[in-house]
Protein backbone atom coordinates (compact mmCIF):
# COMPACT_ATOMS: atom_id res chain seq x y z
CA UNK A 1 -5.44 -8.82 -1.58
CA UNK A 2 -6.28 -5.69 -3.55
CA UNK A 3 -6.64 -3.45 -0.51
CA UNK A 4 -3.41 -4.71 0.98
CA UNK A 5 -1.52 -4.05 -2.25
CA UNK A 6 -2.98 -0.56 -2.38
CA UNK A 7 -1.75 0.18 1.15
CA UNK A 8 1.71 -1.10 0.27
CA UNK A 9 1.86 1.11 -2.84
CA UNK A 10 0.63 4.15 -0.92
CA UNK A 11 3.18 3.58 1.86
CA UNK A 12 5.96 3.16 -0.65
CA UNK A 13 4.95 6.29 -2.56
CA UNK A 14 4.60 8.31 0.63
CA UNK A 15 7.98 7.16 1.89
CA UNK A 16 9.73 8.01 -1.35
CA UNK A 17 7.94 11.36 -1.52
CA UNK A 18 9.04 12.21 1.99
CA UNK A 19 12.63 11.41 1.09
CA UNK A 20 12.27 13.90 -1.75
CA UNK A 21 11.15 16.44 0.86
CA UNK A 22 14.25 15.56 2.90
CA UNK A 23 16.55 16.35 -0.04
CA UNK A 24 14.69 19.59 -0.75
CA UNK A 25 14.67 20.67 2.92
CA UNK A 26 18.34 19.80 3.33
CA UNK A 27 19.28 21.90 0.33
CA UNK A 28 17.66 24.93 2.01
CA UNK A 29 19.22 24.11 5.42
CA UNK A 30 15.85 23.29 6.99
CA UNK A 31 17.32 20.62 9.22
CA UNK A 32 14.29 20.20 11.50
CA UNK A 33 11.98 19.63 8.52
CA UNK A 34 14.51 17.23 6.99
CA UNK A 35 14.77 15.17 10.18
CA UNK A 36 11.00 14.94 10.70
CA UNK A 37 10.35 14.09 7.05
CA UNK A 38 13.15 11.53 7.14
CA UNK A 39 11.74 9.78 10.18
CA UNK A 40 8.23 9.72 8.72
CA UNK A 41 9.65 8.47 5.42
CA UNK A 42 11.45 5.63 7.15
CA UNK A 43 8.27 4.74 8.99
CA UNK A 44 6.26 4.66 5.75
CA UNK A 45 8.90 2.55 4.01
CA UNK A 46 8.92 0.20 7.01
CA UNK A 47 5.15 -0.26 6.69
CA UNK A 48 5.52 -0.95 2.98
CA UNK A 49 8.31 -3.49 3.58
CA UNK A 50 6.39 -5.25 6.32
CA UNK A 51 3.27 -5.40 4.18
CA UNK A 52 5.17 -6.81 1.20
CA UNK A 53 6.85 -9.48 3.34
CA UNK A 54 3.56 -10.40 4.99
CA UNK A 55 1.86 -10.67 1.60
CA UNK A 56 4.69 -12.85 0.24
CA UNK A 57 4.52 -15.14 3.29
CA UNK A 58 0.75 -15.46 2.91
CA UNK A 59 1.11 -16.44 -0.76
CA UNK A 60 3.81 -18.97 0.12
CA UNK A 61 1.53 -20.51 2.75
CA UNK A 62 -1.29 -20.80 0.23
CA UNK A 63 1.02 -22.52 -2.26
CA UNK A 64 2.25 -24.90 0.45
CA UNK A 65 -1.30 -25.86 1.41
CA UNK A 66 -2.27 -26.33 -2.25
CA UNK A 67 0.69 -28.69 -2.81
CA UNK A 68 -0.22 -30.65 0.31
CA UNK A 69 -3.82 -31.08 -0.86
CA UNK A 70 -2.63 -32.08 -4.32
CA UNK A 71 -0.28 -34.74 -2.88
CA UNK A 72 -3.06 -36.11 -0.70
CA UNK A 73 -5.38 -36.37 -3.69
CA UNK A 74 -2.72 -38.14 -5.75
CA UNK A 75 -2.18 -40.68 -2.96
CA UNK A 76 -5.89 -41.40 -2.93
CA UNK A 77 -6.74 -40.31 0.57
C-alpha cells in the first residue's frame, strides 16, 4: 500500500500545484495557460480521488473478510 499512497499524494500535490499555476496565469491574463493547467489539475485531482476511494474500498473489503473469518472461528467451523 505504500506505493499506492505515494501516487495519491503526488497526484494531489500536482493537482493543487497546477491550480496555483492557474491562479498565477489568470492574474497575468494568460488564459490559454490557465485553461491547460486547469484541465491537467482536474485530471491529477481525479486520479488522486479515484486512488483514495479505491484504497478505502480495498481496506473495507479486508475488514469484511477478517470479520467473516472471525465469526466462522467463533462458531467452531
